[in-house]
Amino acid sequence: MTRMTIGAATTDKGVSATIYIAIELSGSKWVIGVHTPLADKISIYRLTGGDAQGLLKLIAHVREKVERRLGRSATVLSCYEAGYDGFWLHRLLKAHGICNHVLDSASIQVSRRARRVKTDRIDAEGLIRVLMAYDRGERQVCAIVRVPSLEDEDAKRLHRERERLVRERVQHTNRIHGLLATQGIRTFKPMRKDWERQLEGVFTGDGRPLPPQLKMEIRRECRRLAMVLDMLKEVERERDTGVASEAKMGLLAKLQGVGPTFATVLVREVFYRAFNNRRELGSYVGLTPAPYDSGDVHRDQGISKAGNPRARTLAIEMAWLWVRYQPDSALSQWFRERVGVTTGRVRRIAIVALARKVLVALWRYLETGIVPSGAMLKT
């Protein structure tokens, strides 16, 4: 790159007219790193957290300055790390003609010293260097997050809300059972609609009525649980409507062992994306091997676990159900031939391999319409 003197107007065509901008996001402030073809150093600016208009004004000011000095239009490349702020800033920058990349922070190499100096300024400068290397064609310096569309992002909220509601249901139920167990009561059913009548008729293990404050606490917990159950029913009704109306979910739900929950999560989390081959699919859910081969040390570390954790967990759960509800399928036979009646660790390792095979078979089923070999459809 040709070096230039700041303040000297030039139209040198040998100078790259690319502006690199890295945004270090936090709740209280944004630290902006800027590298222009006008200087070798990285300039640092600070904005109040969330000041998107201030960021756009800064980018416009820098671009106008570079274009005036170079005498031609300049390209702006920006980046920030995926995190709490989501993708709204990416969409805003893209709407204003700025090429932005959302980086996977776990893929960026950092110093491995015992105590690494970390400041927002250092992080912003590091992101600038990563962005410049990526723009030069070094694709291994970081991983770029695939930003979903607004529709795909919104479609994921229903099954994720259901997961949170299920966890809340378990928490409230366990809390109620735990409080009653301290009094020797083990027959109370908090998820039944007649929980109030049950509560009035319970006595402690030594024959006493429930203490008044404990009774009121259990009553409030039961009311919270009833509200969670109502919300859960509402969410499941919406989910079932989506399964009936969307083609991919309907195809998956036709297979034995695949219910509406599995069909919804698989389509919303995995199969809304386009995969070129089975390796891309396995990598996305983190079911690819992770060997360790250094010097004389050769061992297998298991699966990478670098993909979508929700989809990976669901795939393993579905593999167990596949063996149970699709016993005559080729995949279930493959599993039984290798594990037989073996239990324990060997069986758990084999089920992970089966999970990947089932996921690939379902992907091909949705892409081609060919039912997995030996699989049965619901009547």
Protein backbone atom coordinates (compact mmCIF):
# COMPACT_ATOMS: atom_id res chain seq x y z
CA MET A 1 0.00 0.00 0.00
CA THR A 2 1.37 3.43 -0.92
CA ARG A 3 2.00 5.66 2.09
CA MET A 4 0.56 9.16 2.01
CA THR A 5 0.86 12.32 3.99
CA ILE A 6 -2.27 13.43 5.86
CA GLY A 7 -3.49 16.72 4.51
CA ALA A 8 -2.05 16.28 1.05
CA ALA A 9 -4.78 15.84 -1.55
CA THR A 10 -4.09 13.01 -3.95
CA THR A 11 -5.73 10.92 -6.62
CA ASP A 12 -3.22 8.06 -6.45
CA LYS A 13 -4.99 5.06 -7.93
CA GLY A 14 -2.57 2.68 -6.21
CA VAL A 15 -4.07 3.40 -2.79
CA SER A 16 -6.86 1.06 -1.70
CA ALA A 17 -10.00 3.08 -0.96
CA THR A 18 -11.26 0.78 1.79
CA ILE A 19 -12.21 1.97 5.27
CA TYR A 20 -12.15 -0.67 8.02
CA ILE A 21 -14.33 -0.10 11.08
CA ALA A 22 -14.58 -2.33 14.18
CA ILE A 23 -17.25 -1.74 16.82
CA GLU A 24 -16.65 -2.98 20.37
CA LEU A 25 -20.13 -3.07 21.91
CA SER A 26 -21.14 -2.78 25.55
CA GLY A 27 -24.10 -1.46 27.47
CA SER A 28 -22.53 1.84 28.56
CA LYS A 29 -20.26 2.74 25.63
CA TRP A 30 -19.23 1.81 22.12
CA VAL A 31 -15.54 1.90 21.21
CA ILE A 32 -15.03 2.39 17.47
CA GLY A 33 -11.77 1.49 15.77
CA VAL A 34 -11.19 3.06 12.35
CA HIS A 35 -8.43 2.37 9.84
CA THR A 36 -8.33 4.44 6.67
CA PRO A 37 -5.93 4.53 3.69
CA LEU A 38 -4.86 8.00 4.83
CA ALA A 39 -2.73 6.71 7.74
CA ASP A 40 -1.16 3.53 9.07
CA LYS A 41 -2.47 3.89 12.61
CA ILE A 42 -5.88 2.87 13.95
CA SER A 43 -7.97 5.74 15.27
CA ILE A 44 -10.23 5.16 18.28
CA TYR A 45 -13.56 6.91 18.88
CA ARG A 46 -16.02 6.51 21.75
CA LEU A 47 -19.80 6.79 21.65
CA THR A 48 -22.55 6.27 24.17
CA GLY A 49 -23.85 2.70 24.12
CA GLY A 50 -26.71 2.36 21.64
CA ASP A 51 -25.97 5.62 19.79
CA ALA A 52 -26.57 4.23 16.31
CA GLN A 53 -27.12 7.65 14.75
CA GLY A 54 -23.83 8.85 16.16
CA LEU A 55 -22.13 5.82 14.63
CA LEU A 56 -23.65 6.53 11.22
CA LYS A 57 -22.55 10.18 11.43
CA LEU A 58 -19.02 9.09 12.34
CA ILE A 59 -18.86 6.67 9.40
CA ALA A 60 -20.22 9.33 7.03
CA HIS A 61 -17.64 11.85 8.29
CA VAL A 62 -14.74 9.41 7.86
CA ARG A 63 -15.93 8.36 4.43
CA GLU A 64 -16.34 11.97 3.26
CA LYS A 65 -12.83 12.81 4.48
CA VAL A 66 -11.23 9.81 2.71
CA GLU A 67 -13.11 10.41 -0.54
CA ARG A 68 -12.10 14.09 -0.53
CA ARG A 69 -8.43 13.20 -0.07
CA LEU A 70 -8.37 10.32 -2.57
CA GLY A 71 -10.64 11.91 -5.13
CA ARG A 72 -12.79 8.81 -5.58
CA SER A 73 -15.44 6.80 -3.75
CA ALA A 74 -14.47 4.66 -0.77
CA THR A 75 -15.80 1.31 0.46
CA VAL A 76 -16.66 0.82 4.14
CA LEU A 77 -16.20 -2.59 5.78
CA SER A 78 -17.32 -2.92 9.40
CA CYS A 79 -17.58 -5.69 11.96
CA TYR A 80 -18.58 -6.43 15.52
CA GLU A 81 -18.75 -9.54 17.67
CA ALA A 82 -21.99 -11.47 18.04
CA GLY A 83 -23.46 -11.10 21.49
CA TYR A 84 -26.05 -9.37 23.62
CA ASP A 85 -26.99 -6.75 21.00
CA GLY A 86 -28.13 -9.32 18.46
CA PHE A 87 -28.37 -8.37 14.79
CA TRP A 88 -30.29 -5.09 14.73
CA LEU A 89 -27.09 -3.07 14.24
CA HIS A 90 -26.04 -5.31 11.36
CA ARG A 91 -29.35 -4.68 9.62
CA LEU A 92 -29.07 -0.93 10.23
CA LEU A 93 -25.57 -0.74 8.78
CA LYS A 94 -26.59 -2.87 5.81
CA ALA A 95 -29.58 -0.61 5.16
CA HIS A 96 -27.18 2.35 4.90
CA GLY A 97 -24.99 0.65 2.31
CA ILE A 98 -22.26 -0.54 4.68
CA CYS A 99 -20.85 -4.05 4.31
CA ASN A 100 -20.89 -5.43 7.84
CA HIS A 101 -19.73 -8.76 9.25
CA VAL A 102 -20.84 -10.28 12.55
CA LEU A 103 -17.92 -12.24 13.95
CA ASP A 104 -17.99 -15.32 16.15
CA SER A 105 -15.92 -14.21 19.12
CA ALA A 106 -14.91 -17.79 19.97
CA SER A 107 -13.19 -18.15 16.59
CA ILE A 108 -10.82 -15.18 17.06
CA GLN A 109 -7.32 -16.07 18.22
CA VAL A 110 -6.06 -14.30 21.35
CA SER A 111 -2.87 -14.31 23.38
CA ARG A 112 -2.57 -17.36 25.64
CA ARG A 113 -0.43 -15.73 28.30
CA ALA A 114 -1.33 -16.33 31.92
CA ARG A 115 -2.63 -12.77 32.27
CA ARG A 116 -3.81 -11.24 29.04
CA VAL A 117 -4.28 -7.49 28.91
CA LYS A 118 -7.85 -6.80 27.81
CA THR A 119 -9.34 -3.38 27.17
CA ASP A 120 -11.98 -2.15 24.76
CA ARG A 121 -9.31 -0.27 22.80
CA ILE A 122 -7.15 -3.40 22.41
CA ASP A 123 -10.20 -5.44 21.40
CA ALA A 124 -11.25 -2.86 18.79
CA GLU A 125 -7.73 -2.77 17.31
CA GLY A 126 -7.67 -6.57 17.25
CA LEU A 127 -10.98 -6.68 15.40
CA ILE A 128 -9.61 -4.23 12.83
CA ARG A 129 -6.65 -6.52 12.14
CA VAL A 130 -8.93 -9.55 11.87
CA LEU A 131 -11.24 -7.71 9.48
CA MET A 132 -8.35 -6.59 7.28
CA ALA A 133 -6.96 -10.14 7.14
CA TYR A 134 -10.38 -11.53 6.26
CA ASP A 135 -10.78 -8.95 3.50
CA ARG A 136 -7.39 -10.01 2.09
CA GLY A 137 -8.77 -13.51 1.68
CA GLU A 138 -7.56 -15.17 4.88
CA ARG A 139 -10.80 -16.97 5.69
CA GLN A 140 -9.33 -18.92 8.62
CA VAL A 141 -8.74 -15.89 10.87
CA CYS A 142 -12.35 -15.89 12.08
CA ALA A 143 -15.80 -17.35 11.54
CA ILE A 144 -18.57 -15.14 10.18
CA VAL A 145 -21.99 -15.57 11.74
CA ARG A 146 -24.79 -16.18 9.26
CA VAL A 147 -27.37 -13.53 10.13
CA PRO A 148 -30.92 -14.94 9.81
CA SER A 149 -33.71 -13.01 8.16
CA LEU A 150 -36.23 -11.23 10.35
CA GLU A 151 -38.80 -13.93 9.55
CA ASP A 152 -36.46 -16.82 10.42
CA GLU A 153 -35.33 -15.13 13.62
CA ASP A 154 -38.90 -14.46 14.72
CA ALA A 155 -40.01 -18.02 13.89
CA LYS A 156 -37.56 -19.41 16.48
CA ARG A 157 -39.20 -17.61 19.38
CA LEU A 158 -42.17 -19.95 19.78
CA HIS A 159 -40.31 -23.19 20.53
CA ARG A 160 -37.69 -21.36 22.59
CA GLU A 161 -40.45 -19.82 24.70
CA ARG A 162 -41.89 -23.30 25.18
CA GLU A 163 -38.52 -24.54 26.45
CA ARG A 164 -38.42 -21.75 29.04
CA LEU A 165 -42.00 -22.48 30.12
CA VAL A 166 -41.22 -26.18 30.53
CA ARG A 167 -38.24 -25.30 32.72
CA GLU A 168 -40.41 -22.99 34.81
CA ARG A 169 -43.01 -25.74 35.18
CA VAL A 170 -40.37 -28.11 36.51
CA GLN A 171 -39.03 -25.47 38.89
CA HIS A 172 -42.44 -24.65 40.39
CA THR A 173 -43.41 -28.32 40.65
CA ASN A 174 -40.14 -29.25 42.37
CA ARG A 175 -40.47 -26.31 44.74
CA ILE A 176 -43.98 -27.36 45.80
CA HIS A 177 -42.97 -31.01 46.24
CA GLY A 178 -39.93 -29.95 48.24
CA LEU A 179 -41.90 -27.73 50.61
CA LEU A 180 -44.45 -30.47 51.25
CA ALA A 181 -41.80 -33.17 51.63
CA THR A 182 -40.43 -31.30 54.68
CA GLN A 183 -43.83 -31.94 56.32
CA GLY A 184 -44.06 -35.59 55.31
CA ILE A 185 -46.60 -34.99 52.49
CA ARG A 186 -45.95 -36.91 49.26
CA THR A 187 -49.38 -37.31 47.63
CA PHE A 188 -50.10 -33.73 46.57
CA LYS A 189 -50.50 -33.25 42.78
CA PRO A 190 -49.90 -29.55 41.99
CA MET A 191 -50.54 -29.86 38.24
CA ARG A 192 -54.13 -31.00 38.70
CA LYS A 193 -56.91 -28.44 38.40
CA ASP A 194 -58.26 -29.31 41.86
CA TRP A 195 -55.03 -28.32 43.63
CA GLU A 196 -56.93 -25.94 45.95
CA ARG A 197 -59.20 -28.71 47.19
CA GLN A 198 -56.19 -30.98 47.66
CA LEU A 199 -54.38 -28.28 49.64
CA GLU A 200 -57.29 -27.89 52.05
CA GLY A 201 -57.32 -31.60 52.81
CA VAL A 202 -53.63 -32.31 53.41
CA PHE A 203 -52.11 -32.92 56.82
CA THR A 204 -48.49 -33.26 57.86
CA GLY A 205 -46.91 -36.62 58.53
CA ASP A 206 -47.57 -36.26 62.26
CA GLY A 207 -51.25 -35.37 61.73
CA ARG A 208 -51.13 -31.56 62.01
CA PRO A 209 -52.66 -29.09 59.52
CA LEU A 210 -50.22 -27.14 57.39
CA PRO A 211 -48.68 -24.06 59.08
CA PRO A 212 -50.47 -20.92 57.76
CA GLN A 213 -47.40 -19.21 56.19
CA LEU A 214 -46.29 -22.42 54.49
CA LYS A 215 -49.81 -22.95 53.19
CA MET A 216 -49.89 -19.43 51.70
CA GLU A 217 -46.48 -19.93 50.07
CA ILE A 218 -47.61 -23.20 48.47
CA ARG A 219 -50.80 -21.52 47.31
CA ARG A 220 -48.82 -18.78 45.55
CA GLU A 221 -46.51 -21.34 43.96
CA CYS A 222 -49.54 -23.26 42.68
CA ARG A 223 -50.98 -20.08 41.19
CA ARG A 224 -47.71 -19.41 39.38
CA LEU A 225 -47.67 -22.99 38.15
CA ALA A 226 -51.26 -22.71 36.88
CA MET A 227 -50.32 -19.56 34.94
CA VAL A 228 -47.31 -21.31 33.39
CA LEU A 229 -49.50 -24.28 32.38
CA ASP A 230 -52.01 -21.95 30.69
CA MET A 231 -49.23 -20.20 28.77
CA LEU A 232 -47.76 -23.56 27.81
CA LYS A 233 -51.08 -24.70 26.35
CA GLU A 234 -51.36 -21.46 24.38
CA VAL A 235 -47.86 -21.83 22.93
CA GLU A 236 -48.47 -25.47 22.00
CA ARG A 237 -51.68 -24.56 20.19
CA GLU A 238 -49.75 -22.02 18.11
CA ARG A 239 -47.04 -24.61 17.49
CA ASP A 240 -49.53 -27.23 16.30
CA THR A 241 -51.08 -24.69 13.94
CA GLY A 242 -47.64 -24.03 12.42
CA VAL A 243 -46.96 -27.76 12.01
CA ALA A 244 -50.23 -28.20 10.14
CA SER A 245 -49.60 -25.24 7.83
CA GLU A 246 -45.88 -25.56 6.97
CA ALA A 247 -44.76 -28.17 4.44
CA LYS A 248 -41.43 -29.20 6.01
CA MET A 249 -42.92 -29.60 9.47
CA GLY A 250 -45.78 -31.63 8.04
CA LEU A 251 -43.39 -33.99 6.25
CA LEU A 252 -41.36 -34.59 9.41
CA ALA A 253 -44.46 -35.07 11.54
CA LYS A 254 -45.58 -37.91 9.22
CA LEU A 255 -42.70 -40.11 10.41
CA GLN A 256 -43.23 -42.34 13.40
CA GLY A 257 -41.26 -41.12 16.40
CA VAL A 258 -41.23 -37.47 15.24
CA GLY A 259 -43.76 -35.34 17.09
CA PRO A 260 -44.75 -31.69 16.66
CA THR A 261 -42.06 -30.47 19.06
CA PHE A 262 -39.24 -32.25 17.22
CA ALA A 263 -40.60 -31.18 13.83
CA THR A 264 -40.82 -27.53 14.91
CA VAL A 265 -37.35 -27.33 16.43
CA LEU A 266 -35.67 -29.18 13.55
CA VAL A 267 -37.20 -26.92 10.91
CA ARG A 268 -36.76 -23.67 12.82
CA GLU A 269 -33.24 -24.36 14.09
CA VAL A 270 -31.68 -26.49 11.33
CA PHE A 271 -33.58 -27.08 8.13
CA TYR A 272 -34.45 -23.44 7.47
CA ARG A 273 -30.87 -23.18 6.19
CA ALA A 274 -29.45 -24.51 2.93
CA PHE A 275 -26.66 -27.09 3.23
CA ASN A 276 -24.46 -28.16 0.33
CA ASN A 277 -23.61 -31.57 1.77
CA ARG A 278 -23.88 -33.74 4.86
CA ARG A 279 -20.58 -32.43 6.25
CA GLU A 280 -21.94 -28.90 6.45
CA LEU A 281 -25.02 -30.21 8.23
CA GLY A 282 -22.97 -32.20 10.74
CA SER A 283 -20.69 -29.24 11.36
CA TYR A 284 -23.63 -26.91 11.99
CA VAL A 285 -24.95 -29.08 14.82
CA GLY A 286 -21.47 -29.89 16.19
CA LEU A 287 -21.58 -33.63 15.44
CA THR A 288 -18.29 -33.77 13.53
CA PRO A 289 -15.21 -35.58 14.91
CA ALA A 290 -12.50 -33.63 16.71
CA PRO A 291 -9.22 -35.62 16.48
CA TYR A 292 -6.08 -34.65 18.40
CA ASP A 293 -2.92 -35.48 16.45
CA SER A 294 0.30 -33.85 17.69
CA GLY A 295 3.70 -35.54 17.69
CA ASP A 296 3.30 -39.04 19.07
CA VAL A 297 -0.11 -38.29 20.60
CA HIS A 298 -3.03 -39.58 18.58
CA ARG A 299 -6.47 -39.67 20.14
CA ASP A 300 -10.08 -38.92 19.44
CA GLN A 301 -11.67 -36.10 21.45
CA GLY A 302 -15.21 -37.04 20.48
CA ILE A 303 -17.49 -34.61 18.68
CA SER A 304 -16.62 -30.94 18.23
CA LYS A 305 -19.74 -29.54 20.00
CA ALA A 306 -19.11 -26.33 18.05
CA GLY A 307 -22.52 -25.98 16.44
CA ASN A 308 -26.07 -25.28 17.51
CA PRO A 309 -26.37 -26.82 21.01
CA ARG A 310 -30.17 -26.89 20.95
CA ALA A 311 -30.24 -28.78 17.66
CA ARG A 312 -27.49 -31.16 18.81
CA THR A 313 -29.34 -32.06 22.01
CA LEU A 314 -32.55 -32.62 20.08
CA ALA A 315 -30.80 -34.80 17.49
CA ILE A 316 -29.45 -37.13 20.20
CA GLU A 317 -32.86 -37.35 21.89
CA MET A 318 -34.43 -38.12 18.53
CA ALA A 319 -31.88 -40.88 17.88
CA TRP A 320 -33.05 -42.73 20.99
CA LEU A 321 -36.68 -42.38 19.87
CA TRP A 322 -35.76 -43.47 16.35
CA VAL A 323 -34.41 -46.79 17.64
CA ARG A 324 -37.60 -47.27 19.63
CA TYR A 325 -40.25 -46.22 17.10
CA GLN A 326 -38.44 -47.14 13.85
CA PRO A 327 -36.97 -50.56 14.80
CA ASP A 328 -37.14 -51.94 11.25
CA SER A 329 -35.37 -49.01 9.60
CA ALA A 330 -31.88 -49.41 8.16
CA LEU A 331 -30.48 -46.91 10.66
CA SER A 332 -31.86 -48.79 13.65
CA GLN A 333 -30.47 -52.04 12.29
CA TRP A 334 -27.07 -50.36 11.84
CA PHE A 335 -27.19 -49.30 15.49
CA ARG A 336 -28.17 -52.75 16.81
CA GLU A 337 -25.48 -54.50 14.72
CA ARG A 338 -22.78 -52.43 16.40
CA VAL A 339 -23.96 -52.33 20.01
CA GLY A 340 -26.21 -55.39 20.34
CA VAL A 341 -27.15 -55.64 24.01
CA THR A 342 -24.14 -53.65 25.19
CA THR A 343 -24.91 -50.91 27.68
CA GLY A 344 -23.00 -48.00 29.12
CA ARG A 345 -20.45 -45.81 27.40
CA VAL A 346 -20.27 -47.77 24.13
CA ARG A 347 -24.01 -47.41 23.62
CA ARG A 348 -23.91 -43.68 24.36
CA ILE A 349 -21.10 -43.17 21.85
CA ALA A 350 -22.97 -45.11 19.18
CA ILE A 351 -26.16 -43.13 19.70
CA VAL A 352 -24.28 -39.91 18.90
CA ALA A 353 -23.13 -41.42 15.61
CA LEU A 354 -26.70 -42.51 14.94
CA ALA A 355 -27.95 -38.98 15.69
CA ARG A 356 -25.80 -37.61 12.88
CA LYS A 357 -26.99 -40.29 10.47
CA VAL A 358 -30.65 -39.67 11.35
CA LEU A 359 -30.21 -35.93 10.88
CA VAL A 360 -28.65 -36.44 7.46
CA ALA A 361 -31.42 -38.89 6.49
CA LEU A 362 -34.11 -36.37 7.49
CA TRP A 363 -32.34 -33.62 5.55
CA ARG A 364 -32.34 -35.78 2.42
CA TYR A 365 -35.97 -36.67 3.08
CA LEU A 366 -36.95 -32.99 3.08
CA GLU A 367 -34.79 -32.18 0.06
CA THR A 368 -35.77 -35.13 -2.15
CA GLY A 369 -38.96 -36.52 -0.61
CA ILE A 370 -37.39 -40.00 -0.31
CA VAL A 371 -38.36 -41.64 3.00
CA PRO A 372 -35.36 -43.04 4.95
CA SER A 373 -34.82 -46.70 4.17
CA GLY A 374 -37.20 -48.90 6.17
CA ALA A 375 -38.81 -45.98 8.03
CA MET A 376 -42.53 -46.14 8.71
CA LEU A 377 -45.04 -43.33 8.27
CA LYS A 378 -47.90 -42.65 10.64
CA THR A 379 -51.22 -44.06 9.61
